[in-house]
N, C-alpha and C. Protein backbone atom coordinates (compact mmCIF):
# COMPACT_ATOMS: atom_id res chain seq x y z
N MET A 1 0.83 -1.19 0.00
CA MET A 1 0.00 0.00 0.00
C MET A 1 0.87 1.26 0.00
N LYS A 2 2.00 1.22 0.74
CA LYS A 2 2.91 2.35 0.79
C LYS A 2 3.47 2.64 -0.60
N LYS A 3 3.77 1.59 -1.33
CA LYS A 3 4.34 1.75 -2.67
C LYS A 3 3.33 2.43 -3.61
N ILE A 4 2.08 2.07 -3.48
CA ILE A 4 1.05 2.67 -4.33
C ILE A 4 0.89 4.16 -4.00
N ILE A 5 0.88 4.49 -2.71
CA ILE A 5 0.74 5.88 -2.29
C ILE A 5 1.96 6.69 -2.76
N LEU A 6 3.16 6.14 -2.60
CA LEU A 6 4.37 6.83 -3.05
C LEU A 6 4.37 7.01 -4.57
N ALA A 7 3.95 6.00 -5.30
CA ALA A 7 3.88 6.09 -6.76
C ALA A 7 2.87 7.16 -7.18
N ALA A 8 1.73 7.20 -6.54
CA ALA A 8 0.70 8.20 -6.86
C ALA A 8 1.22 9.61 -6.55
N LEU A 9 1.90 9.76 -5.41
CA LEU A 9 2.47 11.05 -5.04
C LEU A 9 3.52 11.49 -6.05
N PHE A 10 4.37 10.58 -6.46
CA PHE A 10 5.41 10.85 -7.44
C PHE A 10 4.80 11.28 -8.78
N LEU A 11 3.77 10.55 -9.24
CA LEU A 11 3.12 10.89 -10.50
C LEU A 11 2.43 12.25 -10.44
N SER A 12 1.81 12.56 -9.31
CA SER A 12 1.14 13.86 -9.20
C SER A 12 2.16 15.00 -9.21
N MET A 13 3.34 14.77 -8.62
CA MET A 13 4.39 15.79 -8.65
C MET A 13 4.89 16.00 -10.08
N ILE A 14 5.07 14.94 -10.83
CA ILE A 14 5.54 15.04 -12.21
C ILE A 14 4.50 15.78 -13.05
N CYS A 15 3.24 15.44 -12.88
CA CYS A 15 2.17 16.11 -13.65
C CYS A 15 2.11 17.59 -13.32
N THR A 16 2.30 17.96 -12.05
CA THR A 16 2.27 19.37 -11.64
C THR A 16 3.43 20.12 -12.27
N VAL A 17 4.62 19.54 -12.26
CA VAL A 17 5.78 20.18 -12.86
C VAL A 17 5.57 20.33 -14.37
N THR A 18 5.06 19.33 -15.03
CA THR A 18 4.81 19.39 -16.46
C THR A 18 3.81 20.49 -16.79
N ARG A 19 2.74 20.60 -16.02
CA ARG A 19 1.74 21.64 -16.24
C ARG A 19 2.34 23.02 -16.01
N ALA A 20 3.19 23.16 -14.98
CA ALA A 20 3.78 24.45 -14.66
C ALA A 20 4.76 24.90 -15.74
N GLU A 21 5.40 23.97 -16.46
CA GLU A 21 6.37 24.31 -17.49
C GLU A 21 5.72 24.69 -18.81
N LYS A 22 4.45 24.39 -19.00
CA LYS A 22 3.78 24.71 -20.26
C LYS A 22 3.72 26.23 -20.41
N THR A 23 4.22 26.71 -21.53
CA THR A 23 4.24 28.14 -21.79
C THR A 23 2.96 28.55 -22.50
N VAL A 24 2.33 29.58 -21.97
CA VAL A 24 1.10 30.11 -22.54
C VAL A 24 1.39 31.48 -23.15
N TRP A 25 0.95 31.68 -24.38
CA TRP A 25 1.13 32.95 -25.07
C TRP A 25 -0.21 33.68 -25.16
N ARG A 26 -0.15 35.01 -25.06
CA ARG A 26 -1.35 35.84 -25.18
C ARG A 26 -0.99 37.11 -25.94
N GLN A 27 -2.01 37.83 -26.37
CA GLN A 27 -1.82 39.10 -27.06
C GLN A 27 -1.24 40.11 -26.08
N ALA A 28 -0.20 40.84 -26.47
CA ALA A 28 0.38 41.88 -25.63
C ALA A 28 -0.53 43.10 -25.64
N THR A 29 -0.57 43.80 -24.54
CA THR A 29 -1.41 45.00 -24.45
C THR A 29 -0.70 46.19 -25.09
N ASP A 30 -1.45 47.24 -25.39
CA ASP A 30 -0.87 48.46 -25.96
C ASP A 30 0.18 49.05 -25.02
N ALA A 31 -0.09 49.04 -23.72
CA ALA A 31 0.86 49.58 -22.74
C ALA A 31 2.16 48.77 -22.73
N GLU A 32 2.04 47.43 -22.79
CA GLU A 32 3.24 46.59 -22.84
C GLU A 32 4.06 46.88 -24.09
N LEU A 33 3.38 47.00 -25.23
CA LEU A 33 4.07 47.25 -26.48
C LEU A 33 4.75 48.62 -26.47
N ALA A 34 4.08 49.63 -25.91
CA ALA A 34 4.65 50.98 -25.84
C ALA A 34 5.90 51.01 -24.97
N SER A 35 5.93 50.22 -23.91
CA SER A 35 7.11 50.19 -23.04
C SER A 35 8.23 49.33 -23.61
N LEU A 36 7.91 48.46 -24.54
CA LEU A 36 8.88 47.51 -25.09
C LEU A 36 9.51 47.99 -26.40
N LEU A 37 8.70 48.46 -27.32
CA LEU A 37 9.18 48.83 -28.65
C LEU A 37 9.72 50.26 -28.66
N PRO A 38 10.77 50.50 -29.43
CA PRO A 38 11.37 51.84 -29.44
C PRO A 38 10.56 52.83 -30.28
N ALA A 39 10.60 54.09 -29.88
CA ALA A 39 9.98 55.16 -30.68
C ALA A 39 10.80 55.39 -31.95
N ARG A 40 12.10 55.14 -31.86
CA ARG A 40 13.02 55.21 -33.01
C ARG A 40 13.84 53.93 -32.99
N ALA A 41 13.64 53.10 -33.99
CA ALA A 41 14.33 51.80 -34.05
C ALA A 41 15.67 51.94 -34.77
N GLN A 42 16.69 51.30 -34.20
CA GLN A 42 17.98 51.31 -34.88
C GLN A 42 17.92 50.35 -36.07
N VAL A 43 18.14 50.91 -37.25
CA VAL A 43 18.16 50.14 -38.49
C VAL A 43 19.45 50.52 -39.20
N GLU A 44 20.40 49.59 -39.19
CA GLU A 44 21.74 49.85 -39.69
C GLU A 44 22.28 51.10 -39.01
N LYS A 45 22.60 52.16 -39.77
CA LYS A 45 23.19 53.37 -39.18
C LYS A 45 22.16 54.44 -38.85
N GLU A 46 20.90 54.15 -39.09
CA GLU A 46 19.82 55.11 -38.88
C GLU A 46 19.03 54.77 -37.61
N HIS A 47 18.31 55.73 -37.12
CA HIS A 47 17.31 55.52 -36.06
C HIS A 47 15.98 55.97 -36.65
N ILE A 48 15.18 55.01 -37.09
CA ILE A 48 13.98 55.30 -37.85
C ILE A 48 12.76 55.31 -36.92
N GLU A 49 11.94 56.32 -37.07
CA GLU A 49 10.74 56.48 -36.26
C GLU A 49 9.76 55.33 -36.52
N THR A 50 9.07 54.91 -35.46
CA THR A 50 8.08 53.84 -35.58
C THR A 50 6.68 54.42 -35.42
N GLU A 51 5.71 53.73 -35.97
CA GLU A 51 4.30 54.13 -35.89
C GLU A 51 3.63 53.27 -34.82
N MET A 52 3.66 53.73 -33.57
CA MET A 52 3.22 52.90 -32.44
C MET A 52 1.77 52.42 -32.52
N ARG A 53 0.92 53.13 -33.24
CA ARG A 53 -0.47 52.67 -33.32
C ARG A 53 -0.58 51.39 -34.14
N THR A 54 0.49 51.02 -34.86
CA THR A 54 0.49 49.77 -35.64
C THR A 54 1.13 48.62 -34.89
N ALA A 55 1.61 48.87 -33.66
CA ALA A 55 2.33 47.85 -32.90
C ALA A 55 1.44 46.65 -32.58
N SER A 56 2.06 45.48 -32.64
CA SER A 56 1.35 44.24 -32.31
C SER A 56 2.37 43.26 -31.75
N GLY A 57 1.90 42.37 -30.89
CA GLY A 57 2.82 41.39 -30.34
C GLY A 57 2.14 40.40 -29.44
N ILE A 58 2.92 39.40 -29.07
CA ILE A 58 2.47 38.37 -28.14
C ILE A 58 3.50 38.25 -27.02
N VAL A 59 3.05 37.78 -25.89
CA VAL A 59 3.92 37.61 -24.73
C VAL A 59 3.61 36.26 -24.10
N ASN A 60 4.65 35.60 -23.58
CA ASN A 60 4.41 34.31 -22.94
C ASN A 60 4.38 34.45 -21.42
N SER A 61 4.09 33.35 -20.76
CA SER A 61 3.95 33.36 -19.31
C SER A 61 5.29 33.58 -18.59
N HIS A 62 6.39 33.61 -19.35
CA HIS A 62 7.71 33.89 -18.78
C HIS A 62 8.15 35.33 -19.07
N GLY A 63 7.26 36.13 -19.65
CA GLY A 63 7.58 37.53 -19.93
C GLY A 63 8.41 37.75 -21.18
N ARG A 64 8.43 36.80 -22.10
CA ARG A 64 9.16 36.93 -23.36
C ARG A 64 8.20 37.40 -24.45
N TYR A 65 8.65 38.36 -25.25
CA TYR A 65 7.81 38.96 -26.27
C TYR A 65 8.28 38.63 -27.68
N ILE A 66 7.34 38.61 -28.59
CA ILE A 66 7.60 38.70 -30.02
C ILE A 66 6.68 39.82 -30.46
N ALA A 67 7.28 40.95 -30.87
CA ALA A 67 6.49 42.15 -31.13
C ALA A 67 7.07 42.90 -32.31
N GLY A 68 6.20 43.62 -32.99
CA GLY A 68 6.65 44.39 -34.14
C GLY A 68 5.87 45.67 -34.30
N VAL A 69 6.38 46.52 -35.21
CA VAL A 69 5.77 47.81 -35.46
C VAL A 69 6.20 48.26 -36.86
N VAL A 70 5.38 49.09 -37.48
CA VAL A 70 5.70 49.64 -38.80
C VAL A 70 6.73 50.75 -38.65
N LEU A 71 7.70 50.78 -39.57
CA LEU A 71 8.71 51.83 -39.62
C LEU A 71 8.22 52.96 -40.53
N ILE A 72 8.51 54.19 -40.16
CA ILE A 72 8.21 55.32 -41.02
C ILE A 72 9.50 55.63 -41.78
N THR A 73 9.63 55.07 -42.97
CA THR A 73 10.91 55.08 -43.69
C THR A 73 11.08 56.20 -44.70
N ALA A 74 10.09 57.05 -44.89
CA ALA A 74 10.22 58.14 -45.87
C ALA A 74 11.43 59.00 -45.53
N GLY A 75 12.29 59.20 -46.52
CA GLY A 75 13.46 60.05 -46.32
C GLY A 75 14.68 59.34 -45.77
N TYR A 76 14.60 58.06 -45.49
CA TYR A 76 15.75 57.33 -44.98
C TYR A 76 16.37 56.49 -46.09
N SER A 77 17.56 56.01 -45.83
CA SER A 77 18.29 55.23 -46.83
C SER A 77 17.77 53.80 -46.94
N ALA A 78 16.68 53.50 -46.26
CA ALA A 78 16.12 52.14 -46.31
C ALA A 78 15.64 51.79 -47.71
N ASP A 79 15.32 52.80 -48.54
CA ASP A 79 14.93 52.58 -49.94
C ASP A 79 13.84 51.53 -50.12
N GLY A 80 12.89 51.46 -49.21
CA GLY A 80 11.82 50.48 -49.33
C GLY A 80 12.26 49.08 -48.95
N LYS A 81 13.50 48.91 -48.57
CA LYS A 81 14.04 47.59 -48.20
C LYS A 81 13.40 47.09 -46.90
N TYR A 82 13.08 48.02 -46.02
CA TYR A 82 12.47 47.68 -44.74
C TYR A 82 11.15 48.41 -44.58
N SER A 83 10.18 47.74 -44.00
CA SER A 83 8.92 48.40 -43.70
C SER A 83 8.48 48.15 -42.26
N HIS A 84 9.03 47.12 -41.61
CA HIS A 84 8.61 46.74 -40.26
C HIS A 84 9.83 46.41 -39.39
N TYR A 85 9.67 46.66 -38.11
CA TYR A 85 10.67 46.32 -37.10
C TYR A 85 10.11 45.18 -36.26
N LEU A 86 10.93 44.19 -35.94
CA LEU A 86 10.48 43.03 -35.18
C LEU A 86 11.45 42.73 -34.05
N MET A 87 10.93 42.67 -32.82
CA MET A 87 11.72 42.31 -31.65
C MET A 87 11.35 40.88 -31.25
N VAL A 88 12.36 40.02 -31.15
CA VAL A 88 12.13 38.60 -30.83
C VAL A 88 12.87 38.28 -29.54
N GLN A 89 12.15 37.85 -28.51
CA GLN A 89 12.77 37.48 -27.24
C GLN A 89 12.68 35.99 -26.96
N ALA A 90 12.12 35.24 -27.88
CA ALA A 90 12.04 33.78 -27.77
C ALA A 90 12.25 33.23 -29.19
N PRO A 91 12.92 32.10 -29.33
CA PRO A 91 13.15 31.57 -30.68
C PRO A 91 11.83 31.34 -31.41
N VAL A 92 11.83 31.66 -32.70
CA VAL A 92 10.63 31.51 -33.50
C VAL A 92 11.05 31.16 -34.93
N ARG A 93 10.24 30.36 -35.58
CA ARG A 93 10.43 30.03 -36.99
C ARG A 93 9.27 30.68 -37.73
N ILE A 94 9.60 31.63 -38.60
CA ILE A 94 8.58 32.35 -39.36
C ILE A 94 8.71 31.93 -40.82
N GLY A 95 7.70 31.21 -41.30
CA GLY A 95 7.72 30.76 -42.68
C GLY A 95 8.98 29.98 -43.04
N GLY A 96 9.52 29.25 -42.10
CA GLY A 96 10.72 28.45 -42.35
C GLY A 96 12.02 29.14 -42.00
N ILE A 97 11.97 30.41 -41.62
CA ILE A 97 13.19 31.15 -41.25
C ILE A 97 13.33 31.12 -39.73
N GLU A 98 14.47 30.61 -39.27
CA GLU A 98 14.75 30.55 -37.83
C GLU A 98 15.23 31.91 -37.34
N LEU A 99 14.52 32.50 -36.39
CA LEU A 99 14.96 33.76 -35.80
C LEU A 99 15.29 33.51 -34.33
N LYS A 100 16.51 33.84 -33.96
CA LYS A 100 16.95 33.76 -32.57
C LYS A 100 16.54 35.06 -31.88
N PRO A 101 16.56 35.10 -30.55
CA PRO A 101 16.26 36.36 -29.89
C PRO A 101 17.14 37.49 -30.42
N GLY A 102 16.51 38.59 -30.74
CA GLY A 102 17.22 39.75 -31.29
C GLY A 102 16.24 40.69 -31.97
N ASN A 103 16.80 41.69 -32.66
CA ASN A 103 15.99 42.69 -33.34
C ASN A 103 16.18 42.55 -34.85
N TYR A 104 15.07 42.58 -35.55
CA TYR A 104 15.08 42.37 -37.00
C TYR A 104 14.25 43.45 -37.68
N VAL A 105 14.48 43.62 -38.96
CA VAL A 105 13.63 44.44 -39.80
C VAL A 105 13.24 43.58 -40.99
N PHE A 106 12.07 43.87 -41.53
CA PHE A 106 11.68 43.16 -42.74
C PHE A 106 10.91 44.07 -43.66
N GLY A 107 10.95 43.69 -44.91
CA GLY A 107 10.23 44.41 -45.93
C GLY A 107 9.62 43.39 -46.88
N TRP A 108 8.91 43.86 -47.87
CA TRP A 108 8.24 42.93 -48.77
C TRP A 108 8.15 43.51 -50.17
N VAL A 109 8.01 42.61 -51.12
CA VAL A 109 7.75 42.97 -52.51
C VAL A 109 6.65 42.06 -53.03
N ARG A 110 5.87 42.58 -53.94
CA ARG A 110 4.78 41.81 -54.54
C ARG A 110 5.39 40.70 -55.40
N ASP A 111 4.79 39.51 -55.32
CA ASP A 111 5.26 38.36 -56.10
C ASP A 111 4.04 37.59 -56.60
N GLY A 112 3.42 38.08 -57.66
CA GLY A 112 2.20 37.46 -58.17
C GLY A 112 1.07 37.61 -57.18
N GLU A 113 0.48 36.49 -56.77
CA GLU A 113 -0.62 36.50 -55.80
C GLU A 113 -0.14 36.63 -54.35
N ASP A 114 1.16 36.48 -54.13
CA ASP A 114 1.73 36.51 -52.78
C ASP A 114 2.61 37.74 -52.62
N ILE A 115 3.18 37.88 -51.43
CA ILE A 115 4.24 38.86 -51.23
C ILE A 115 5.46 38.12 -50.69
N LYS A 116 6.62 38.53 -51.11
CA LYS A 116 7.88 37.93 -50.67
C LYS A 116 8.43 38.81 -49.56
N ILE A 117 8.63 38.20 -48.39
CA ILE A 117 9.12 38.90 -47.21
C ILE A 117 10.59 38.59 -47.03
N HIS A 118 11.41 39.62 -46.78
CA HIS A 118 12.83 39.41 -46.53
C HIS A 118 13.18 39.98 -45.14
N PHE A 119 13.76 39.12 -44.31
CA PHE A 119 14.14 39.46 -42.93
C PHE A 119 15.62 39.79 -42.87
N HIS A 120 15.95 40.87 -42.13
CA HIS A 120 17.33 41.31 -41.97
C HIS A 120 17.61 41.56 -40.49
N VAL A 121 18.86 41.40 -40.08
CA VAL A 121 19.27 41.81 -38.73
C VAL A 121 19.19 43.34 -38.70
N ALA A 122 18.54 43.88 -37.70
CA ALA A 122 18.27 45.33 -37.66
C ALA A 122 19.55 46.16 -37.63
N THR A 123 20.52 45.78 -36.84
CA THR A 123 21.70 46.63 -36.66
C THR A 123 22.68 46.56 -37.83
N THR A 124 22.70 45.45 -38.56
CA THR A 124 23.68 45.29 -39.63
C THR A 124 23.09 45.28 -41.03
N GLY A 125 21.81 44.96 -41.15
CA GLY A 125 21.18 44.84 -42.45
C GLY A 125 21.43 43.49 -43.12
N GLU A 126 22.12 42.60 -42.41
CA GLU A 126 22.44 41.27 -42.96
C GLU A 126 21.14 40.48 -43.21
N LEU A 127 21.02 39.93 -44.42
CA LEU A 127 19.85 39.14 -44.77
C LEU A 127 19.84 37.83 -43.98
N VAL A 128 18.73 37.57 -43.31
CA VAL A 128 18.56 36.32 -42.56
C VAL A 128 17.85 35.28 -43.42
N GLY A 129 16.87 35.72 -44.19
CA GLY A 129 16.14 34.79 -45.04
C GLY A 129 14.95 35.45 -45.71
N THR A 130 14.38 34.71 -46.65
CA THR A 130 13.23 35.18 -47.41
C THR A 130 12.15 34.12 -47.38
N THR A 131 10.90 34.55 -47.28
CA THR A 131 9.77 33.63 -47.27
C THR A 131 8.58 34.29 -47.95
N ASP A 132 7.57 33.51 -48.25
CA ASP A 132 6.37 34.03 -48.89
C ASP A 132 5.25 34.20 -47.88
N ALA A 133 4.50 35.26 -48.05
CA ALA A 133 3.26 35.47 -47.29
C ALA A 133 2.12 35.30 -48.29
N HIS A 134 1.13 34.53 -47.90
CA HIS A 134 0.02 34.19 -48.79
C HIS A 134 -1.23 34.96 -48.39
N LEU A 135 -2.08 35.19 -49.36
CA LEU A 135 -3.36 35.83 -49.11
C LEU A 135 -4.14 35.00 -48.09
N ILE A 136 -4.66 35.65 -47.06
CA ILE A 136 -5.45 34.95 -46.04
C ILE A 136 -6.84 34.71 -46.63
N LYS A 137 -7.23 33.47 -46.72
CA LYS A 137 -8.49 33.09 -47.38
C LYS A 137 -9.72 33.44 -46.55
N THR A 138 -9.62 33.32 -45.24
CA THR A 138 -10.77 33.64 -44.38
C THR A 138 -10.90 35.14 -44.25
N HIS A 139 -12.08 35.58 -43.90
CA HIS A 139 -12.35 37.01 -43.76
C HIS A 139 -11.66 37.55 -42.50
N VAL A 140 -10.66 38.41 -42.68
CA VAL A 140 -10.01 39.10 -41.56
C VAL A 140 -9.90 40.57 -41.91
N ARG A 141 -9.84 41.37 -40.88
CA ARG A 141 -9.66 42.81 -41.06
C ARG A 141 -8.24 43.07 -41.58
N VAL A 142 -8.08 43.96 -42.52
CA VAL A 142 -6.76 44.31 -43.04
C VAL A 142 -6.00 45.05 -41.94
N GLU A 143 -4.78 44.60 -41.66
CA GLU A 143 -3.95 45.17 -40.59
C GLU A 143 -2.57 45.50 -41.15
N SER A 144 -1.99 46.61 -40.70
CA SER A 144 -0.61 46.94 -41.08
C SER A 144 0.32 45.85 -40.57
N LEU A 145 0.06 45.39 -39.36
CA LEU A 145 0.81 44.30 -38.75
C LEU A 145 -0.03 43.74 -37.62
N ARG A 146 -0.13 42.43 -37.59
CA ARG A 146 -0.78 41.77 -36.46
C ARG A 146 -0.10 40.43 -36.23
N ILE A 147 0.33 40.23 -35.01
CA ILE A 147 0.92 38.95 -34.61
C ILE A 147 -0.14 38.25 -33.78
N TRP A 148 -0.69 37.19 -34.34
CA TRP A 148 -1.75 36.45 -33.67
C TRP A 148 -1.14 35.50 -32.64
N PRO A 149 -1.75 35.35 -31.46
CA PRO A 149 -1.28 34.35 -30.49
C PRO A 149 -1.39 32.94 -31.10
N PRO A 150 -0.49 32.04 -30.74
CA PRO A 150 -0.52 30.70 -31.33
C PRO A 150 -1.81 29.94 -31.05
N SER A 151 -2.49 30.26 -29.97
CA SER A 151 -3.75 29.56 -29.68
C SER A 151 -4.85 29.98 -30.64
N ASP A 152 -4.71 31.15 -31.28
CA ASP A 152 -5.70 31.62 -32.25
C ASP A 152 -5.36 31.17 -33.67
N LYS A 153 -4.20 31.63 -34.18
CA LYS A 153 -3.87 31.34 -35.57
C LYS A 153 -2.41 31.03 -35.84
N ALA A 154 -1.46 31.36 -34.95
CA ALA A 154 -0.03 31.23 -35.20
C ALA A 154 0.31 31.82 -36.56
N LEU A 155 -0.02 33.10 -36.72
CA LEU A 155 0.10 33.78 -38.00
C LEU A 155 0.58 35.20 -37.77
N ILE A 156 1.47 35.67 -38.64
CA ILE A 156 1.85 37.07 -38.67
C ILE A 156 1.16 37.66 -39.89
N GLN A 157 0.31 38.63 -39.65
CA GLN A 157 -0.50 39.21 -40.71
C GLN A 157 0.07 40.57 -41.12
N ILE A 158 0.25 40.74 -42.43
CA ILE A 158 0.69 42.00 -43.01
C ILE A 158 -0.33 42.34 -44.09
N GLY A 159 -1.14 43.34 -43.84
CA GLY A 159 -2.21 43.66 -44.78
C GLY A 159 -3.22 42.53 -44.84
N ARG A 160 -3.40 41.97 -46.04
CA ARG A 160 -4.31 40.82 -46.22
C ARG A 160 -3.55 39.50 -46.32
N PHE A 161 -2.24 39.55 -46.03
CA PHE A 161 -1.37 38.39 -46.21
C PHE A 161 -0.91 37.86 -44.87
N GLY A 162 -0.59 36.58 -44.83
CA GLY A 162 -0.17 35.96 -43.59
C GLY A 162 1.01 35.02 -43.78
N ILE A 163 1.85 34.95 -42.74
CA ILE A 163 2.97 34.01 -42.68
C ILE A 163 2.78 33.17 -41.44
N PRO A 164 2.73 31.84 -41.56
CA PRO A 164 2.63 31.02 -40.36
C PRO A 164 3.95 31.04 -39.57
N TYR A 165 3.85 30.85 -38.28
CA TYR A 165 5.05 30.77 -37.45
C TYR A 165 4.93 29.63 -36.44
N GLU A 166 6.08 29.19 -35.96
CA GLU A 166 6.16 28.17 -34.90
C GLU A 166 7.09 28.71 -33.84
N LEU A 167 6.70 28.55 -32.59
CA LEU A 167 7.52 29.00 -31.49
C LEU A 167 8.55 27.95 -31.12
N GLY A 168 9.74 28.42 -30.71
CA GLY A 168 10.80 27.52 -30.28
C GLY A 168 10.56 26.99 -28.88
N ASP A 169 11.47 26.20 -28.39
CA ASP A 169 11.32 25.54 -27.09
C ASP A 169 11.60 26.47 -25.92
N LYS A 170 12.47 27.43 -26.09
CA LYS A 170 12.92 28.23 -24.94
C LYS A 170 12.14 29.50 -24.79
């Protein structure tokens, strides 16, 4: 009988630890995004103003964010190369591109029915990768940028287009 009680106690402890380790993601609030994202983002040698009303992001139960905002690039040397700033505090795979924690910028070009998104390291401009964003088939509101929580869609929305993402382990 002691063995059964000890086994049950051990199993309940393991289940509690497993439940406690599960990371939950939710939509970040406007106040969180305002305190997290810069008013002027460093992009290569420039500090480009951001449009905070377009900010969107998600946060996990450990306080890690994946958040972005539209860059106001008129008059800068970005030459249309960048349109958005992205802060990543947890590993994420966006459309097949692995992004480690850090700051990135991305831009897009029309490619037939899709748009081609190119991600760069914000401080250096180094290309990290390119992926396609596809027209979202379901009815959604057009957004400059929206990062959906993984429990809803696991999608980064740019206009009427979306890129699926997967969150890393850490």
